[in-house]
Amino acid sequence: MTGADGTASWAEALVREHESHAVRPGREEQVLERIDRARRRRATVREEYVTMAHGAGGKATQSLIEAIFLESFRNPLLEPLEDGAVFGAGTERLALTTDSYVVSPLFFPGGNIGDLAVNGTVNDLAVCGARPLYLSAGFILEEGFPVGDLRRVVASMAVAAEVAGVQIVTGDTKVVQRGKADGCYVNTAGVGLIERPGALGVAGARPGDAVIVSGPIGEHGVTIMLARGELDIEADLISDTAPLNGLVAALLDACPEAVRCMRDATRGGVATILNEIARASGVAVVVEEDAVPVRQAVRGACELLGIDPLYVACEGRLVAVVDGAVVDTALAALRAHPLGEGAALVGRIGEDPPGLVLLKTGFGGTRIVDLLVGDPLPRIC
């Protein structure tokens, strides 16, 4: 694994040292202890200005959220930093989430900023265990934006909402001067009803649990990059953007008490989700590289771009941690749904080393999968 700038991370260096048998007895334990101490330090933002990396979903994003937003807004509902807040309202439990979309280009193979905004918010509610009900939609439009394009975006949102079984019930519109935005930005918020007992969260993973992805990864991020036309690469790919609430319901129906957590793998990809699970639960996540489903077109494009597919965003895939005893049941439930036909068991939860993600490579080695550094794929959602 390398950072976005092509340099090897401390994690890779540690594993290389270990595999070359250069680690002195106890040396690896000392290094892992230092890593653990570093991760437990209070987050800080050392940059004077916001950079694109702060929006990539990796280390810089995590620092920005924890050092700026969490520090100011800290409360029990926000503290878990899940995809949505879960709270009580009378006798009901609700989930609330919000997201903003600045994807470039606005229209791409398989979707556009409109259905992406609806699906993304529906998915954040679904992985909280909620049945999505209502959405808001806020538009920031640049002076000169074609009304015809706006109609296309709004029409796609209406179709996506109908497919997902939600309604867009409130919204807002702002227009800024020409050159002060990039055509159209969309913000959506959503509320859903949690009808099942128990709680889901990345802090719930336990040794012996299984890690599942619901299908081939990286299709959305690579599709966006190719749609920009900046690279002389041709591939038959479309975005995987889709509403996951039906797939999530199928999984929860099949394994009602055995699902520990779910996340949709958007910014930062599957690698970021796995790191969040490892860190929050204090466990090791051990992944088999050959078990991770990646379409050949995505793999080839990533190789040309020098990007690991594990860090590339999806918009219609989820990562689930389930009790290892029911993994076959969970996989069968996912594969029976059209959006989960490619579901795969990709790894297991272990005890050691806590807080780290280990990838067993196809060559028989092991490397640490760290959080994303930099922003190799800006503005993909």
Protein backbone atom coordinates (compact mmCIF):
# COMPACT_ATOMS: atom_id res chain seq x y z
CA MET A 1 0.00 0.00 0.00
CA THR A 2 1.18 3.49 -0.79
CA GLY A 3 -0.10 6.90 0.11
CA ALA A 4 -1.74 9.14 -2.46
CA ASP A 5 1.62 10.74 -3.16
CA GLY A 6 3.16 7.37 -4.00
CA THR A 7 5.20 7.04 -0.83
CA ALA A 8 5.02 3.98 1.37
CA SER A 9 3.08 4.38 4.61
CA TRP A 10 4.45 3.60 8.03
CA ALA A 11 2.12 0.59 8.06
CA GLU A 12 3.63 -0.93 4.93
CA ALA A 13 7.13 -0.28 6.21
CA LEU A 14 6.29 -2.11 9.42
CA VAL A 15 4.99 -5.16 7.59
CA ARG A 16 7.94 -5.22 5.17
CA GLU A 17 10.29 -5.13 8.14
CA HIS A 18 8.39 -7.98 9.77
CA GLU A 19 8.27 -10.15 6.64
CA SER A 20 11.98 -9.66 5.94
CA HIS A 21 12.66 -11.04 9.45
CA ALA A 22 14.46 -7.81 10.35
CA VAL A 23 12.25 -7.20 13.36
CA ARG A 24 14.05 -7.82 16.60
CA PRO A 25 12.13 -9.76 19.31
CA GLY A 26 9.64 -7.39 20.84
CA ARG A 27 10.34 -4.68 18.24
CA GLU A 28 7.05 -5.22 16.39
CA GLU A 29 5.09 -5.00 19.64
CA GLN A 30 6.80 -1.72 20.47
CA VAL A 31 5.96 -0.28 17.06
CA LEU A 32 2.32 -1.37 17.34
CA GLU A 33 2.12 0.22 20.77
CA ARG A 34 3.42 3.50 19.34
CA ILE A 35 0.86 3.30 16.55
CA ASP A 36 -1.88 2.75 19.10
CA ARG A 37 -0.72 5.71 21.19
CA ALA A 38 -0.59 7.92 18.10
CA ARG A 39 -4.13 6.98 17.15
CA ARG A 40 -5.39 7.77 20.63
CA ARG A 41 -3.96 11.28 20.62
CA ARG A 42 -6.42 14.10 20.37
CA ALA A 43 -7.10 14.92 16.73
CA THR A 44 -5.66 18.17 15.40
CA VAL A 45 -5.78 20.07 12.13
CA ARG A 46 -2.32 21.41 11.41
CA GLU A 47 -3.10 22.90 7.99
CA GLU A 48 -3.82 26.62 7.81
CA TYR A 49 -6.34 26.16 5.00
CA VAL A 50 -8.83 23.46 4.02
CA THR A 51 -7.52 21.18 1.27
CA MET A 52 -9.22 18.71 -1.08
CA ALA A 53 -7.88 15.91 1.12
CA HIS A 54 -10.18 17.09 3.91
CA GLY A 55 -13.10 15.93 1.80
CA ALA A 56 -11.72 12.58 0.67
CA GLY A 57 -12.99 10.47 3.57
CA GLY A 58 -9.55 9.46 4.83
CA LYS A 59 -7.16 10.65 7.53
CA ALA A 60 -7.55 14.35 6.80
CA THR A 61 -11.35 14.09 6.85
CA GLN A 62 -11.26 12.22 10.14
CA SER A 63 -9.03 14.86 11.70
CA LEU A 64 -11.24 17.70 10.43
CA ILE A 65 -14.39 16.07 11.80
CA GLU A 66 -12.93 15.21 15.19
CA ALA A 67 -10.86 18.35 15.78
CA ILE A 68 -13.29 20.96 14.44
CA PHE A 69 -16.87 19.68 14.27
CA LEU A 70 -16.95 17.08 17.02
CA GLU A 71 -14.99 19.35 19.33
CA SER A 72 -17.60 22.09 18.95
CA PHE A 73 -20.80 20.06 18.63
CA ARG A 74 -19.99 17.10 20.89
CA ASN A 75 -23.08 15.33 22.28
CA PRO A 76 -24.17 11.70 22.82
CA LEU A 77 -26.03 11.50 19.50
CA LEU A 78 -23.13 12.82 17.43
CA GLU A 79 -20.31 11.13 19.33
CA PRO A 80 -20.55 7.67 17.68
CA LEU A 81 -19.98 9.33 14.26
CA GLU A 82 -22.24 6.86 12.49
CA ASP A 83 -23.91 7.55 9.14
CA GLY A 84 -26.91 8.98 10.98
CA ALA A 85 -28.08 9.95 14.44
CA VAL A 86 -30.48 7.55 16.19
CA PHE A 87 -32.84 9.01 18.79
CA GLY A 88 -36.19 8.50 20.47
CA ALA A 89 -39.37 10.44 19.69
CA GLY A 90 -42.21 9.39 21.94
CA THR A 91 -42.49 5.63 21.62
CA GLU A 92 -40.62 5.51 18.29
CA ARG A 93 -36.96 5.40 17.35
CA LEU A 94 -35.87 7.53 14.43
CA ALA A 95 -32.71 8.00 12.37
CA LEU A 96 -31.68 11.35 10.89
CA THR A 97 -28.94 11.98 8.34
CA THR A 98 -27.78 14.66 5.91
CA ASP A 99 -25.35 14.84 3.01
CA SER A 100 -24.23 17.25 0.30
CA TYR A 101 -23.36 16.38 -3.29
CA VAL A 102 -20.84 18.20 -5.46
CA VAL A 103 -20.02 15.46 -7.98
CA SER A 104 -18.27 16.46 -11.19
CA PRO A 105 -19.48 15.88 -13.87
CA LEU A 106 -23.14 16.30 -12.90
CA PHE A 107 -24.22 13.63 -15.40
CA PHE A 108 -22.31 10.36 -15.71
CA PRO A 109 -22.91 6.80 -16.97
CA GLY A 110 -25.51 5.19 -14.73
CA GLY A 111 -26.80 8.32 -13.00
CA ASN A 112 -26.45 11.99 -12.15
CA ILE A 113 -26.18 14.26 -9.13
CA GLY A 114 -29.94 13.99 -8.52
CA ASP A 115 -30.43 10.24 -8.10
CA LEU A 116 -27.04 10.08 -6.39
CA ALA A 117 -28.30 12.52 -3.74
CA VAL A 118 -31.48 10.55 -3.10
CA ASN A 119 -29.78 7.16 -3.04
CA GLY A 120 -26.94 8.34 -0.82
CA THR A 121 -29.26 9.65 1.86
CA VAL A 122 -31.56 6.62 1.67
CA ASN A 123 -28.51 4.38 2.10
CA ASP A 124 -27.22 6.27 5.14
CA LEU A 125 -30.59 5.75 6.81
CA ALA A 126 -30.79 2.11 5.78
CA VAL A 127 -27.41 1.13 7.24
CA CYS A 128 -28.56 2.66 10.54
CA GLY A 129 -31.28 0.01 10.51
CA ALA A 130 -34.02 2.50 9.63
CA ARG A 131 -36.80 2.39 7.06
CA PRO A 132 -36.31 5.62 5.09
CA LEU A 133 -39.44 7.79 4.98
CA TYR A 134 -38.91 11.45 4.09
CA LEU A 135 -36.19 13.56 2.50
CA SER A 136 -35.46 17.25 2.13
CA ALA A 137 -33.70 18.69 -0.91
CA GLY A 138 -31.65 21.89 -0.99
CA PHE A 139 -30.24 23.29 -4.24
CA ILE A 140 -27.41 25.77 -4.72
CA LEU A 141 -27.56 26.88 -8.35
CA GLU A 142 -25.06 28.98 -10.25
CA GLU A 143 -26.31 31.84 -12.36
CA GLY A 144 -26.42 30.59 -15.96
CA PHE A 145 -27.10 26.95 -15.09
CA PRO A 146 -29.33 25.52 -17.87
CA VAL A 147 -32.95 25.07 -16.78
CA GLY A 148 -33.11 21.95 -18.94
CA ASP A 149 -30.32 20.37 -16.88
CA LEU A 150 -32.11 21.32 -13.69
CA ARG A 151 -35.26 19.60 -14.96
CA ARG A 152 -33.24 16.43 -15.67
CA VAL A 153 -31.72 16.46 -12.17
CA VAL A 154 -35.07 16.99 -10.45
CA ALA A 155 -36.81 14.37 -12.59
CA SER A 156 -34.15 11.81 -11.71
CA MET A 157 -34.61 12.61 -8.02
CA ALA A 158 -38.34 12.01 -8.33
CA VAL A 159 -37.78 8.62 -9.98
CA ALA A 160 -35.13 7.61 -7.44
CA ALA A 161 -37.40 8.59 -4.54
CA GLU A 162 -40.23 6.50 -5.99
CA VAL A 163 -37.96 3.48 -6.42
CA ALA A 164 -36.69 3.83 -2.84
CA GLY A 165 -40.18 4.34 -1.42
CA VAL A 166 -39.51 7.78 0.05
CA GLN A 167 -40.98 11.24 -0.45
CA ILE A 168 -39.21 14.57 -0.85
CA VAL A 169 -41.32 16.75 1.43
CA THR A 170 -39.41 20.02 1.90
CA GLY A 171 -36.51 21.92 0.42
CA ASP A 172 -34.73 25.16 -0.38
CA THR A 173 -33.19 26.91 -3.38
CA LYS A 174 -30.37 29.44 -3.51
CA VAL A 175 -28.78 31.05 -6.57
CA VAL A 176 -25.22 32.44 -6.53
CA GLN A 177 -23.41 34.61 -9.05
CA ARG A 178 -21.81 33.14 -12.12
CA GLY A 179 -18.43 31.68 -11.23
CA LYS A 180 -19.27 31.26 -7.53
CA ALA A 181 -20.33 27.60 -7.83
CA ASP A 182 -19.98 24.77 -10.32
CA GLY A 183 -23.41 24.60 -11.85
CA CYS A 184 -25.41 22.80 -9.21
CA TYR A 185 -24.85 21.46 -5.70
CA VAL A 186 -27.48 19.41 -3.88
CA ASN A 187 -28.00 18.84 -0.16
CA THR A 188 -30.36 16.18 1.10
CA ALA A 189 -31.44 15.23 4.60
CA GLY A 190 -33.54 12.24 5.53
CA VAL A 191 -35.48 10.72 8.39
CA GLY A 192 -36.34 7.06 8.85
CA LEU A 193 -38.14 4.84 11.32
CA ILE A 194 -36.28 2.12 13.21
CA GLU A 195 -38.72 -0.74 13.65
CA ARG A 196 -36.37 -3.45 14.93
CA PRO A 197 -34.96 -3.81 18.45
CA GLY A 198 -31.25 -3.55 19.11
CA ALA A 199 -28.61 -1.15 17.88
CA LEU A 200 -26.15 -1.21 15.01
CA GLY A 201 -22.75 0.47 15.11
CA VAL A 202 -19.12 0.11 14.14
CA ALA A 203 -18.21 -0.38 17.80
CA GLY A 204 -20.14 -3.67 17.89
CA ALA A 205 -17.76 -5.96 15.98
CA ARG A 206 -16.48 -8.98 17.92
CA PRO A 207 -13.73 -11.54 17.29
CA GLY A 208 -15.12 -14.38 15.22
CA ASP A 209 -17.50 -12.15 13.25
CA ALA A 210 -17.54 -12.21 9.45
CA VAL A 211 -17.02 -9.26 7.09
CA ILE A 212 -19.18 -9.17 3.97
CA VAL A 213 -19.37 -6.80 1.01
CA SER A 214 -22.57 -6.79 -1.01
CA GLY A 215 -20.97 -6.73 -4.46
CA PRO A 216 -18.08 -5.62 -6.68
CA ILE A 217 -16.42 -2.47 -5.38
CA GLY A 218 -15.06 0.74 -6.88
CA GLU A 219 -17.42 1.11 -9.84
CA HIS A 220 -18.77 4.55 -8.99
CA GLY A 221 -15.42 6.21 -8.35
CA VAL A 222 -13.80 4.85 -11.50
CA THR A 223 -16.87 5.72 -13.59
CA ILE A 224 -16.68 9.34 -12.43
CA MET A 225 -12.97 9.59 -13.17
CA LEU A 226 -13.44 8.21 -16.69
CA ALA A 227 -16.48 10.43 -17.32
CA ARG A 228 -14.31 13.52 -16.81
CA GLY A 229 -12.47 12.68 -20.01
CA GLU A 230 -9.10 13.63 -18.56
CA LEU A 231 -7.67 10.14 -19.03
CA ASP A 232 -7.24 8.19 -22.25
CA ILE A 233 -8.85 5.09 -20.77
CA GLU A 234 -11.92 3.33 -22.11
CA ALA A 235 -13.94 0.93 -19.96
CA ASP A 236 -17.48 -0.41 -20.07
CA LEU A 237 -18.49 0.83 -16.64
CA ILE A 238 -21.47 2.57 -15.09
CA SER A 239 -21.97 3.90 -11.57
CA ASP A 240 -23.40 1.45 -9.06
CA THR A 241 -25.63 4.14 -7.49
CA ALA A 242 -28.74 2.46 -6.08
CA PRO A 243 -30.97 2.50 -2.97
CA LEU A 244 -29.91 -0.16 -0.49
CA ASN A 245 -32.93 -0.15 1.84
CA GLY A 246 -34.46 -3.26 0.28
CA LEU A 247 -31.17 -5.15 0.46
CA VAL A 248 -30.65 -4.11 4.09
CA ALA A 249 -34.18 -5.22 4.99
CA ALA A 250 -33.51 -8.64 3.45
CA LEU A 251 -30.34 -9.04 5.51
CA LEU A 252 -31.98 -7.94 8.76
CA ASP A 253 -34.96 -10.23 8.14
CA ALA A 254 -32.65 -13.20 7.62
CA CYS A 255 -30.30 -12.44 10.55
CA PRO A 256 -32.34 -10.22 12.90
CA GLU A 257 -29.99 -10.41 15.88
CA ALA A 258 -26.71 -11.29 14.20
CA VAL A 259 -25.88 -8.10 12.27
CA ARG A 260 -23.35 -6.01 14.22
CA CYS A 261 -22.99 -3.07 11.85
CA MET A 262 -23.42 -1.90 8.27
CA ARG A 263 -21.92 0.96 6.30
CA ASP A 264 -22.28 2.04 2.68
CA ALA A 265 -18.79 2.33 1.25
CA THR A 266 -18.73 5.83 -0.23
CA ARG A 267 -15.83 8.29 0.22
CA GLY A 268 -12.66 6.44 1.14
CA GLY A 269 -14.12 3.14 -0.04
CA VAL A 270 -14.20 -0.19 1.75
CA ALA A 271 -10.79 0.41 3.32
CA THR A 272 -12.07 3.41 5.28
CA ILE A 273 -15.08 1.47 6.59
CA LEU A 274 -12.89 -1.39 7.75
CA ASN A 275 -10.56 1.00 9.56
CA GLU A 276 -13.51 2.65 11.30
CA ILE A 277 -14.73 -0.76 12.47
CA ALA A 278 -11.30 -1.84 13.68
CA ARG A 279 -10.70 1.40 15.54
CA ALA A 280 -14.16 1.73 17.13
CA SER A 281 -14.39 -1.92 18.20
CA GLY A 282 -10.75 -2.38 19.21
CA VAL A 283 -10.41 -5.43 17.00
CA ALA A 284 -8.33 -6.60 14.06
CA VAL A 285 -10.01 -6.87 10.66
CA VAL A 286 -8.35 -9.54 8.52
CA VAL A 287 -9.26 -9.44 4.83
CA GLU A 288 -8.43 -11.91 2.05
CA GLU A 289 -7.39 -9.90 -1.01
CA ASP A 290 -8.50 -12.57 -3.48
CA ALA A 291 -11.97 -12.66 -1.88
CA VAL A 292 -12.70 -8.97 -2.49
CA PRO A 293 -14.95 -8.70 -5.58
CA VAL A 294 -13.59 -6.25 -8.15
CA ARG A 295 -14.65 -6.19 -11.79
CA GLN A 296 -11.77 -6.52 -14.23
CA ALA A 297 -12.49 -3.13 -15.80
CA VAL A 298 -12.24 -1.45 -12.38
CA ARG A 299 -9.09 -3.36 -11.50
CA GLY A 300 -7.45 -2.44 -14.79
CA ALA A 301 -8.34 1.25 -14.49
CA CYS A 302 -7.09 1.35 -10.90
CA GLU A 303 -3.80 -0.22 -11.92
CA LEU A 304 -3.32 2.43 -14.61
CA LEU A 305 -4.22 5.19 -12.15
CA GLY A 306 -2.08 3.75 -9.35
CA ILE A 307 -5.07 3.49 -6.99
CA ASP A 308 -6.06 0.58 -4.75
CA PRO A 309 -9.72 -0.42 -5.44
CA LEU A 310 -10.24 -0.73 -1.69
CA TYR A 311 -10.10 3.08 -1.45
CA VAL A 312 -12.42 3.80 -4.39
CA ALA A 313 -15.97 4.90 -3.62
CA CYS A 314 -19.11 2.88 -4.23
CA GLU A 315 -22.65 4.29 -4.17
CA GLY A 316 -24.63 1.04 -4.13
CA ARG A 317 -22.54 -1.33 -2.01
CA LEU A 318 -22.48 -1.98 1.70
CA VAL A 319 -20.07 -3.54 4.16
CA ALA A 320 -21.68 -5.67 6.86
CA VAL A 321 -20.24 -7.34 9.94
CA VAL A 322 -22.29 -10.33 11.05
CA ASP A 323 -21.96 -13.11 13.60
CA GLY A 324 -19.65 -15.66 12.02
CA ALA A 325 -22.10 -18.46 12.83
CA VAL A 326 -24.71 -17.09 10.40
CA VAL A 327 -22.49 -15.98 7.53
CA ASP A 328 -24.00 -18.50 5.10
CA THR A 329 -27.50 -17.31 5.93
CA ALA A 330 -26.45 -13.69 5.52
CA LEU A 331 -24.80 -14.33 2.16
CA ALA A 332 -27.82 -16.25 0.89
CA ALA A 333 -30.14 -13.40 1.86
CA LEU A 334 -27.97 -10.82 0.12
CA ARG A 335 -27.45 -12.89 -3.01
CA ALA A 336 -31.20 -13.44 -3.36
CA HIS A 337 -31.63 -9.68 -3.87
CA PRO A 338 -30.76 -8.11 -7.25
CA LEU A 339 -28.37 -5.62 -5.61
CA GLY A 340 -26.57 -8.32 -3.66
CA GLU A 341 -25.94 -10.98 -6.30
CA GLY A 342 -22.19 -10.44 -6.01
CA ALA A 343 -22.06 -10.51 -2.20
CA ALA A 344 -18.89 -12.07 -0.83
CA LEU A 345 -17.29 -13.04 2.45
CA VAL A 346 -14.07 -11.03 2.41
CA GLY A 347 -12.68 -11.39 5.90
CA ARG A 348 -13.00 -12.05 9.61
CA ILE A 349 -12.76 -10.11 12.84
CA GLY A 350 -9.83 -11.07 15.08
CA GLU A 351 -8.37 -9.91 18.36
CA ASP A 352 -4.82 -8.91 17.45
CA PRO A 353 -3.47 -6.42 16.51
CA PRO A 354 -6.36 -4.31 17.81
CA GLY A 355 -7.39 -1.31 15.74
CA LEU A 356 -5.69 -2.41 12.51
CA VAL A 357 -6.84 -3.81 9.16
CA LEU A 358 -4.66 -6.57 7.74
CA LEU A 359 -4.84 -7.72 4.11
CA LYS A 360 -3.65 -11.20 3.21
CA THR A 361 -2.36 -10.75 -0.32
CA GLY A 362 -2.65 -13.14 -3.20
CA PHE A 363 1.11 -13.68 -2.99
CA GLY A 364 0.95 -15.08 0.53
CA GLY A 365 2.10 -11.96 2.37
CA THR A 366 0.31 -9.63 4.74
CA ARG A 367 0.10 -5.85 4.70
CA ILE A 368 -1.68 -3.24 6.78
CA VAL A 369 -4.46 -1.27 5.10
CA ASP A 370 -4.32 2.20 6.59
CA LEU A 371 -6.71 5.12 6.18
CA LEU A 372 -6.57 6.99 2.90
CA VAL A 373 -3.95 9.71 2.65
CA GLY A 374 -4.57 12.57 0.21
CA ASP A 375 -7.38 12.77 -2.36
CA PRO A 376 -6.71 10.72 -5.50
CA LEU A 377 -10.39 10.95 -6.61
CA PRO A 378 -11.81 14.39 -5.77
CA ARG A 379 -15.51 15.29 -6.08
CA ILE A 380 -16.88 11.82 -6.76
CA CYS A 381 -20.09 12.36 -4.80
